[in-house]
PDB file of N, CA and C in Angstrom:
ATOM      1  N   UNK A   1      64.648  91.314  78.148  1.00  0.00           N
ATOM      2  CA  UNK A   1      65.875  90.546  78.181  1.00  0.00           C
ATOM      3  C   UNK A   1      67.114  91.454  78.102  1.00  0.00           C
ATOM      4  N   UNK A   2      67.015  92.492  77.284  1.00  0.00           N
ATOM      5  CA  UNK A   2      68.142  93.412  77.142  1.00  0.00           C
ATOM      6  C   UNK A   2      68.427  94.104  78.464  1.00  0.00           C
ATOM      7  N   UNK A   3      67.385  94.500  79.155  1.00  0.00           N
ATOM      8  CA  UNK A   3      67.556  95.198  80.425  1.00  0.00           C
ATOM      9  C   UNK A   3      68.267  94.313  81.453  1.00  0.00           C
ATOM     10  N   UNK A   4      67.918  93.043  81.488  1.00  0.00           N
ATOM     11  CA  UNK A   4      68.573  92.117  82.413  1.00  0.00           C
ATOM     12  C   UNK A   4      70.058  92.001  82.093  1.00  0.00           C
ATOM     13  N   UNK A   5      70.392  91.977  80.811  1.00  0.00           N
ATOM     14  CA  UNK A   5      71.798  91.890  80.403  1.00  0.00           C
ATOM     15  C   UNK A   5      72.543  93.156  80.819  1.00  0.00           C
ATOM     16  N   UNK A   6      71.921  94.309  80.622  1.00  0.00           N
ATOM     17  CA  UNK A   6      72.544  95.571  81.023  1.00  0.00           C
ATOM     18  C   UNK A   6      72.769  95.612  82.532  1.00  0.00           C
ATOM     19  N   UNK A   7      71.793  95.144  83.285  1.00  0.00           N
ATOM     20  CA  UNK A   7      71.908  95.117  84.739  1.00  0.00           C
ATOM     21  C   UNK A   7      73.046  94.195  85.155  1.00  0.00           C
ATOM     22  N   UNK A   8      73.146  93.049  84.529  1.00  0.00           N
ATOM     23  CA  UNK A   8      74.217  92.103  84.854  1.00  0.00           C
ATOM     24  C   UNK A   8      75.584  92.696  84.513  1.00  0.00           C
ATOM     25  N   UNK A   9      75.690  93.384  83.389  1.00  0.00           N
ATOM     26  CA  UNK A   9      76.956  94.018  82.999  1.00  0.00           C
ATOM     27  C   UNK A   9      77.345  95.107  84.001  1.00  0.00           C
ATOM     28  N   UNK A  10      76.372  95.898  84.436  1.00  0.00           N
ATOM     29  CA  UNK A  10      76.646  96.927  85.439  1.00  0.00           C
ATOM     30  C   UNK A  10      77.088  96.306  86.756  1.00  0.00           C
ATOM     31  N   UNK A  11      76.437  95.233  87.140  1.00  0.00           N
ATOM     32  CA  UNK A  11      76.798  94.537  88.371  1.00  0.00           C
ATOM     33  C   UNK A  11      78.239  94.045  88.300  1.00  0.00           C
ATOM     34  N   UNK A  12      78.615  93.458  87.182  1.00  0.00           N
ATOM     35  CA  UNK A  12      79.973  92.952  87.010  1.00  0.00           C
ATOM     36  C   UNK A  12      80.987  94.095  87.028  1.00  0.00           C
ATOM     37  N   UNK A  13      80.647  95.209  86.405  1.00  0.00           N
ATOM     38  CA  UNK A  13      81.545  96.355  86.389  1.00  0.00           C
ATOM     39  C   UNK A  13      81.734  96.929  87.795  1.00  0.00           C
ATOM     40  N   UNK A  14      80.647  97.020  88.549  1.00  0.00           N
ATOM     41  CA  UNK A  14      80.736  97.514  89.928  1.00  0.00           C
ATOM     42  C   UNK A  14      81.603  96.583  90.772  1.00  0.00           C
ATOM     43  N   UNK A  15      81.423  95.288  90.614  1.00  0.00           N
ATOM     44  CA  UNK A  15      82.230  94.323  91.363  1.00  0.00           C
ATOM     45  C   UNK A  15      83.711  94.454  91.005  1.00  0.00           C
ATOM     46  N   UNK A  16      84.005  94.655  89.725  1.00  0.00           N
ATOM     47  CA  UNK A  16      85.388  94.827  89.294  1.00  0.00           C
ATOM     48  C   UNK A  16      85.987  96.094  89.900  1.00  0.00           C
ATOM     49  N   UNK A  17      85.251  97.198  89.846  1.00  0.00           N
ATOM     50  CA  UNK A  17      85.734  98.443  90.426  1.00  0.00           C
ATOM     51  C   UNK A  17      85.933  98.323  91.934  1.00  0.00           C
ATOM     52  N   UNK A  18      85.047  97.614  92.590  1.00  0.00           N
ATOM     53  CA  UNK A  18      85.176  97.381  94.027  1.00  0.00           C
ATOM     54  C   UNK A  18      86.453  96.602  94.335  1.00  0.00           C
ATOM     55  N   UNK A  19      86.710  95.554  93.558  1.00  0.00           N
ATOM     56  CA  UNK A  19      87.929  94.763  93.747  1.00  0.00           C
ATOM     57  C   UNK A  19      89.175  95.608  93.496  1.00  0.00           C
ATOM     58  N   UNK A  20      89.143  96.422  92.449  1.00  0.00           N
ATOM     59  CA  UNK A  20      90.286  97.266  92.123  1.00  0.00           C
ATOM     60  C   UNK A  20      90.551  98.284  93.225  1.00  0.00           C
ATOM     61  N   UNK A  21      89.508  98.901  93.719  1.00  0.00           N
ATOM     62  CA  UNK A  21      89.660  99.895  94.778  1.00  0.00           C
ATOM     63  C   UNK A  21      90.167  99.253  96.065  1.00  0.00           C
ATOM     64  N   UNK A  22      89.631  98.111  96.409  1.00  0.00           N
ATOM     65  CA  UNK A  22      90.078  97.399  97.615  1.00  0.00           C
ATOM     66  C   UNK A  22      91.549  97.022  97.500  1.00  0.00           C
ATOM     67  N   UNK A  23      91.965  96.548  96.329  1.00  0.00           N
ATOM     68  CA  UNK A  23      93.360  96.171  96.120  1.00  0.00           C
ATOM     69  C   UNK A  23      94.277  97.388  96.248  1.00  0.00           C
ATOM     70  N   UNK A  24      93.854  98.513  95.711  1.00  0.00           N
ATOM     71  CA  UNK A  24      94.652  99.735  95.797  1.00  0.00           C
ATOM     72  C   UNK A  24      94.813 100.183  97.245  1.00  0.00           C
ATOM     73  N   UNK A  25      93.727 100.178  97.990  1.00  0.00           N
ATOM     74  CA  UNK A  25      93.788 100.595  99.387  1.00  0.00           C
ATOM     75  C   UNK A  25      94.664  99.637 100.182  1.00  0.00           C
ATOM     76  N   UNK A  26      94.537  98.339  99.948  1.00  0.00           N
ATOM     77  CA  UNK A  26      95.380  97.362 100.642  1.00  0.00           C
ATOM     78  C   UNK A  26      96.853  97.605 100.332  1.00  0.00           C
ATOM     79  N   UNK A  27      97.177  97.887  99.078  1.00  0.00           N
ATOM     80  CA  UNK A  27      98.553  98.152  98.688  1.00  0.00           C
ATOM     81  C   UNK A  27      99.089  99.410  99.367  1.00  0.00           C
ATOM     82  N   UNK A  28      98.296 100.459  99.380  1.00  0.00           N
ATOM     83  CA  UNK A  28      98.711 101.692 100.046  1.00  0.00           C
ATOM     84  C   UNK A  28      98.904 101.478 101.545  1.00  0.00           C
ATOM     85  N   UNK A  29      98.046 100.663 102.117  1.00  0.00           N
ATOM     86  CA  UNK A  29      98.165 100.365 103.546  1.00  0.00           C
ATOM     87  C   UNK A  29      99.439  99.559 103.826  1.00  0.00           C
ATOM     88  N   UNK A  30      99.721  98.573 102.976  1.00  0.00           N
ATOM     89  CA  UNK A  30     100.918  97.752 103.137  1.00  0.00           C
ATOM     90  C   UNK A  30     102.191  98.600 103.034  1.00  0.00           C
ATOM     91  N   UNK A  31     102.169  99.600 102.179  1.00  0.00           N
ATOM     92  CA  UNK A  31     103.336 100.454 101.975  1.00  0.00           C
ATOM     93  C   UNK A  31     103.434 101.571 103.014  1.00  0.00           C
ATOM     94  N   UNK A  32     102.450 101.652 103.882  1.00  0.00           N
ATOM     95  CA  UNK A  32     102.471 102.655 104.933  1.00  0.00           C
ATOM     96  C   UNK A  32     102.071 104.043 104.465  1.00  0.00           C
ATOM     97  N   UNK A  33     101.456 104.129 103.309  1.00  0.00           N
ATOM     98  CA  UNK A  33     101.033 105.417 102.756  1.00  0.00           C
ATOM     99  C   UNK A  33      99.694 105.843 103.336  1.00  0.00           C
ATOM    100  N   UNK A  34      98.878 104.878 103.660  1.00  0.00           N
ATOM    101  CA  UNK A  34      97.511 105.150 104.097  1.00  0.00           C
ATOM    102  C   UNK A  34      97.113 104.131 105.153  1.00  0.00           C
ATOM    103  N   UNK A  35      96.357 104.603 106.126  1.00  0.00           N
ATOM    104  CA  UNK A  35      95.773 103.675 107.097  1.00  0.00           C
ATOM    105  C   UNK A  35      94.303 103.514 106.749  1.00  0.00           C
ATOM    106  N   UNK A  36      93.791 102.340 106.986  1.00  0.00           N
ATOM    107  CA  UNK A  36      92.388 102.051 106.677  1.00  0.00           C
ATOM    108  C   UNK A  36      91.465 103.034 107.374  1.00  0.00           C
ATOM    109  N   UNK A  37      91.798 103.401 108.598  1.00  0.00           N
ATOM    110  CA  UNK A  37      90.967 104.328 109.364  1.00  0.00           C
ATOM    111  C   UNK A  37      90.901 105.700 108.680  1.00  0.00           C
ATOM    112  N   UNK A  38      92.039 106.135 108.113  1.00  0.00           N
ATOM    113  CA  UNK A  38      92.059 107.416 107.400  1.00  0.00           C
ATOM    114  C   UNK A  38      91.147 107.367 106.174  1.00  0.00           C
ATOM    115  N   UNK A  39      91.212 106.238 105.487  1.00  0.00           N
ATOM    116  CA  UNK A  39      90.407 106.052 104.281  1.00  0.00           C
ATOM    117  C   UNK A  39      88.922 106.073 104.638  1.00  0.00           C
ATOM    118  N   UNK A  40      88.539 105.357 105.691  1.00  0.00           N
ATOM    119  CA  UNK A  40      87.142 105.347 106.122  1.00  0.00           C
ATOM    120  C   UNK A  40      86.662 106.747 106.497  1.00  0.00           C
ATOM    121  N   UNK A  41      87.512 107.479 107.215  1.00  0.00           N
ATOM    122  CA  UNK A  41      87.163 108.843 107.625  1.00  0.00           C
ATOM    123  C   UNK A  41      86.915 109.717 106.401  1.00  0.00           C
ATOM    124  N   UNK A  42      87.778 109.599 105.407  1.00  0.00           N
ATOM    125  CA  UNK A  42      87.652 110.403 104.192  1.00  0.00           C
ATOM    126  C   UNK A  42      86.361 110.045 103.445  1.00  0.00           C
ATOM    127  N   UNK A  43      86.036 108.785 103.399  1.00  0.00           N
ATOM    128  CA  UNK A  43      84.802 108.345 102.740  1.00  0.00           C
ATOM    129  C   UNK A  43      83.592 108.956 103.444  1.00  0.00           C
ATOM    130  N   UNK A  44      83.576 108.890 104.765  1.00  0.00           N
ATOM    131  CA  UNK A  44      82.458 109.443 105.535  1.00  0.00           C
ATOM    132  C   UNK A  44      82.320 110.944 105.303  1.00  0.00           C
ATOM    133  N   UNK A  45      83.458 111.650 105.233  1.00  0.00           N
ATOM    134  CA  UNK A  45      83.419 113.089 104.975  1.00  0.00           C
ATOM    135  C   UNK A  45      82.809 113.387 103.607  1.00  0.00           C
ATOM    136  N   UNK A  46      83.209 112.618 102.602  1.00  0.00           N
ATOM    137  CA  UNK A  46      82.704 112.839 101.250  1.00  0.00           C
ATOM    138  C   UNK A  46      81.208 112.525 101.157  1.00  0.00           C
ATOM    139  N   UNK A  47      80.772 111.489 101.869  1.00  0.00           N
ATOM    140  CA  UNK A  47      79.351 111.134 101.865  1.00  0.00           C
ATOM    141  C   UNK A  47      78.537 112.250 102.509  1.00  0.00           C
ATOM    142  N   UNK A  48      79.016 112.760 103.638  1.00  0.00           N
ATOM    143  CA  UNK A  48      78.296 113.848 104.305  1.00  0.00           C
ATOM    144  C   UNK A  48      78.220 115.080 103.403  1.00  0.00           C
ATOM    145  N   UNK A  49      79.327 115.407 102.752  1.00  0.00           N
ATOM    146  CA  UNK A  49      79.352 116.558 101.859  1.00  0.00           C
ATOM    147  C   UNK A  49      78.377 116.349 100.701  1.00  0.00           C
ATOM    148  N   UNK A  50      78.368 115.159 100.154  1.00  0.00           N
ATOM    149  CA  UNK A  50      77.478 114.840  99.042  1.00  0.00           C
ATOM    150  C   UNK A  50      76.017 114.940  99.476  1.00  0.00           C
ATOM    151  N   UNK A  51      75.711 114.456 100.671  1.00  0.00           N
ATOM    152  CA  UNK A  51      74.339 114.531 101.180  1.00  0.00           C
ATOM    153  C   UNK A  51      73.900 115.978 101.368  1.00  0.00           C
ATOM    154  N   UNK A  52      74.796 116.823 101.840  1.00  0.00           N
ATOM    155  CA  UNK A  52      74.471 118.231 102.019  1.00  0.00           C
ATOM    156  C   UNK A  52      74.201 118.892 100.677  1.00  0.00           C
ATOM    157  N   UNK A  53      74.988 118.559  99.665  1.00  0.00           N
ATOM    158  CA  UNK A  53      74.797 119.144  98.342  1.00  0.00           C
ATOM    159  C   UNK A  53      73.465 118.718  97.739  1.00  0.00           C
ATOM    160  N   UNK A  54      73.071 117.479  97.970  1.00  0.00           N
ATOM    161  CA  UNK A  54      71.811 116.966  97.425  1.00  0.00           C
ATOM    162  C   UNK A  54      70.599 117.692  98.012  1.00  0.00           C
ATOM    163  N   UNK A  55      70.727 118.178  99.215  1.00  0.00           N
ATOM    164  CA  UNK A  55      69.605 118.873  99.849  1.00  0.00           C
ATOM    165  C   UNK A  55      69.295 120.198  99.155  1.00  0.00           C
ATOM    166  N   UNK A  56      70.286 120.774  98.497  1.00  0.00           N
ATOM    167  CA  UNK A  56      70.079 122.062  97.846  1.00  0.00           C
ATOM    168  C   UNK A  56      69.598 121.917  96.407  1.00  0.00           C
ATOM    169  N   UNK A  57      69.571 120.707  95.888  1.00  0.00           N
ATOM    170  CA  UNK A  57      69.120 120.492  94.496  1.00  0.00           C
ATOM    171  C   UNK A  57      67.623 120.618  94.368  1.00  0.00           C
TER     172      UNK A  57
END
């Protein structure tokens, strides 16, 4: 039962962080500081870099 509660708490925290990040990106986009395409490109670059690092572990 404890594990299920921990999983639910983690799920809620992830959802909150996702909402916060989405709101921040939308705000930056509205202000002309960032374009969604730039953000996606940066995410893809970081994922590729992270995958390369994991191969050496």
